[in-house]
Protein backbone atom coordinates (compact mmCIF):
# COMPACT_ATOMS: atom_id res chain seq x y z
CA UNK A 1 17.88 49.29 -20.79
CA UNK A 2 14.62 47.42 -21.32
CA UNK A 3 14.49 43.96 -18.96
CA UNK A 4 13.93 40.95 -21.77
CA UNK A 5 10.69 38.82 -21.50
CA UNK A 6 11.53 35.01 -21.76
CA UNK A 7 8.66 32.74 -23.08
CA UNK A 8 9.20 29.22 -20.70
CA UNK A 9 6.74 26.33 -22.76
CA UNK A 10 7.43 23.58 -20.96
CA UNK A 11 4.00 21.22 -19.25
CA UNK A 12 6.34 19.55 -16.04
CA UNK A 13 5.24 21.72 -13.57
CA UNK A 14 9.15 21.30 -11.64
CA UNK A 15 11.21 22.17 -14.90
CA UNK A 16 9.10 25.25 -15.28
CA UNK A 17 9.47 26.52 -11.37
CA UNK A 18 13.11 25.47 -11.94
CA UNK A 19 13.56 27.52 -14.64
CA UNK A 20 11.88 30.66 -13.66
CA UNK A 21 13.73 30.55 -10.31
CA UNK A 22 17.05 30.82 -12.63
CA UNK A 23 15.64 33.24 -14.56
CA UNK A 24 14.16 35.75 -11.95
CA UNK A 25 17.99 36.21 -10.68
CA UNK A 26 19.10 36.97 -14.17
CA UNK A 27 16.18 39.74 -13.46
CA UNK A 28 14.13 38.57 -16.87
CA UNK A 29 10.37 38.92 -16.99
CA UNK A 30 9.16 35.98 -17.58
CA UNK A 31 5.78 34.45 -19.31
CA UNK A 32 4.76 30.61 -18.67
CA UNK A 33 2.80 27.98 -20.54
CA UNK A 34 2.36 24.44 -20.05
CA UNK A 35 1.22 23.59 -23.91
CA UNK A 36 2.33 24.32 -27.10
CA UNK A 37 -0.81 26.07 -28.17
CA UNK A 38 -1.12 28.65 -24.79
CA UNK A 39 2.96 29.00 -25.81
CA UNK A 40 1.76 30.27 -29.23
CA UNK A 41 -0.78 32.39 -27.93
CA UNK A 42 1.07 33.93 -25.84
CA UNK A 43 4.37 34.38 -28.00
CA UNK A 44 1.87 36.26 -30.96
CA UNK A 45 0.80 38.17 -27.88
CA UNK A 46 4.11 39.46 -26.23
CA UNK A 47 6.56 38.94 -28.48
CA UNK A 48 9.25 37.80 -26.26
CA UNK A 49 13.04 38.03 -26.61
CA UNK A 50 13.40 35.10 -26.28
CA UNK A 51 11.66 31.34 -26.23
CA UNK A 52 12.47 28.30 -23.95
CA UNK A 53 10.63 25.17 -26.15
CA UNK A 54 10.45 21.98 -24.17
CA UNK A 55 10.25 19.38 -27.15
CA UNK A 56 7.88 16.91 -25.92
CA UNK A 57 4.64 18.30 -24.96
CA UNK A 58 1.28 17.17 -24.68
CA UNK A 59 -0.69 16.95 -27.65
CA UNK A 60 1.48 19.29 -30.08
CA UNK A 61 5.04 18.79 -29.55
CA UNK A 62 7.70 21.63 -29.49
CA UNK A 63 8.97 21.24 -32.97
CA UNK A 64 5.49 21.76 -34.40
CA UNK A 65 4.93 24.81 -32.70
CA UNK A 66 8.26 26.17 -33.37
CA UNK A 67 7.36 25.83 -36.70
CA UNK A 68 4.14 27.62 -36.34
CA UNK A 69 6.14 30.43 -33.81
CA UNK A 70 8.81 30.57 -36.86
CA UNK A 71 5.78 30.71 -39.73
CA UNK A 72 4.54 34.25 -38.04
CA UNK A 73 6.27 37.45 -39.53
CA UNK A 74 6.62 39.47 -36.18
CA UNK A 75 8.10 36.11 -34.26
CA UNK A 76 10.29 34.92 -37.44
CA UNK A 77 13.64 36.37 -35.49
CA UNK A 78 12.85 35.61 -32.03
CA UNK A 79 15.15 32.65 -30.46
CA UNK A 80 13.60 29.56 -29.79
CA UNK A 81 15.47 27.59 -27.53
CA UNK A 82 14.88 23.94 -27.18
CA UNK A 83 14.49 22.17 -23.78
CA UNK A 84 15.05 18.59 -24.08
CA UNK A 85 15.86 15.78 -22.18
CA UNK A 86 16.37 13.60 -25.31
CA UNK A 87 19.15 15.46 -27.31
CA UNK A 88 20.42 12.32 -28.85
CA UNK A 89 22.02 12.56 -32.08
CA UNK A 90 19.98 13.60 -34.75
CA UNK A 91 17.46 15.55 -32.33
CA UNK A 92 19.81 18.69 -32.60
CA UNK A 93 19.19 18.59 -36.23
CA UNK A 94 15.23 17.58 -35.87
CA UNK A 95 15.38 21.01 -33.64
CA UNK A 96 17.22 23.33 -36.56
CA UNK A 97 15.01 21.92 -38.91
CA UNK A 98 12.02 23.54 -36.92
CA UNK A 99 14.02 26.38 -36.45
CA UNK A 100 15.22 26.21 -33.12
CA UNK A 101 18.83 28.50 -32.44
CA UNK A 102 19.98 25.68 -30.07
CA UNK A 103 19.24 23.81 -27.05
CA UNK A 104 19.54 22.99 -23.29
CA UNK A 105 19.60 19.80 -22.43
CA UNK A 106 18.00 18.46 -19.31
CA UNK A 107 18.48 17.94 -16.77
CA UNK A 108 19.28 21.69 -16.84
CA UNK A 109 23.24 22.59 -15.39
CA UNK A 110 21.72 25.30 -12.89
CA UNK A 111 25.01 26.53 -12.68
CA UNK A 112 25.80 28.13 -16.21
CA UNK A 113 22.03 28.64 -16.80
CA UNK A 114 22.21 31.80 -17.18
CA UNK A 115 25.28 32.28 -18.95
CA UNK A 116 23.83 30.18 -21.86
CA UNK A 117 20.76 32.09 -21.79
CA UNK A 118 22.61 35.66 -21.69
CA UNK A 119 24.05 34.43 -25.09
CA UNK A 120 21.35 35.42 -26.78
CA UNK A 121 20.80 39.10 -25.72
CA UNK A 122 24.58 39.46 -26.97
CA UNK A 123 24.47 42.37 -29.10
CA UNK A 124 26.95 41.08 -31.76
CA UNK A 125 24.80 37.98 -33.25
CA UNK A 126 27.08 37.05 -35.63
CA UNK A 127 29.26 35.61 -32.36
CA UNK A 128 26.27 33.88 -30.78
CA UNK A 129 27.01 30.62 -29.69
CA UNK A 130 24.98 27.51 -30.04
CA UNK A 131 24.20 26.79 -26.28
CA UNK A 132 24.41 22.32 -25.80
CA UNK A 133 24.27 20.04 -23.03
CA UNK A 134 24.08 23.11 -20.82
CA UNK A 135 27.34 24.18 -22.09
CA UNK A 136 28.12 27.03 -24.65
CA UNK A 137 29.70 25.60 -27.90
CA UNK A 138 30.71 27.11 -30.92
CA UNK A 139 27.93 26.42 -34.00
CA UNK A 140 28.80 23.57 -36.08
CA UNK A 141 28.97 24.32 -40.04
CA UNK A 142 25.96 22.23 -40.47
CA UNK A 143 23.58 23.47 -38.09
C-alpha cells in the first residue's frame, strides 16, 4: 500500500510544525507551504491525497486558494480540509462553498487529530464524515 501524501498549507510556523509532527506519527508523506501560491504550485506538481488549508493566509486567503485548486481537473476530487481558528457560524458554509470537504478548528486537538485525518482515507467514501472542532461528526444535510 502506497503512503498517502498530505499537503499542509499553513503560514504559522508553530502550527505547521505541530501538524507535521502529528502527521509523521501517522506515517504520511508531508508537503509544506507557508502561503497559498506555493501551496497551489505544490498541489499541482505533486497531486497530494489530502490538503490541509489554513483559511487565514497572508496574501491570497485559503478559501481563494481552495477555489483555484478545485478548478484544476487533476485536483478536483482531492479533499481540502480547512484549518481555522475562526470556526464561527457562517465560516463553515463559506468553506463548503469554496470547495472544502470539512474543517478542523484550531487549536488542534492532538489526541484525535490523526483520527480526524484518517476519515478522508476510508475506502467507503459515502460513510465519510465531516471533521469539526477536532471531533468527527456526521455531515449536515446542508453542508
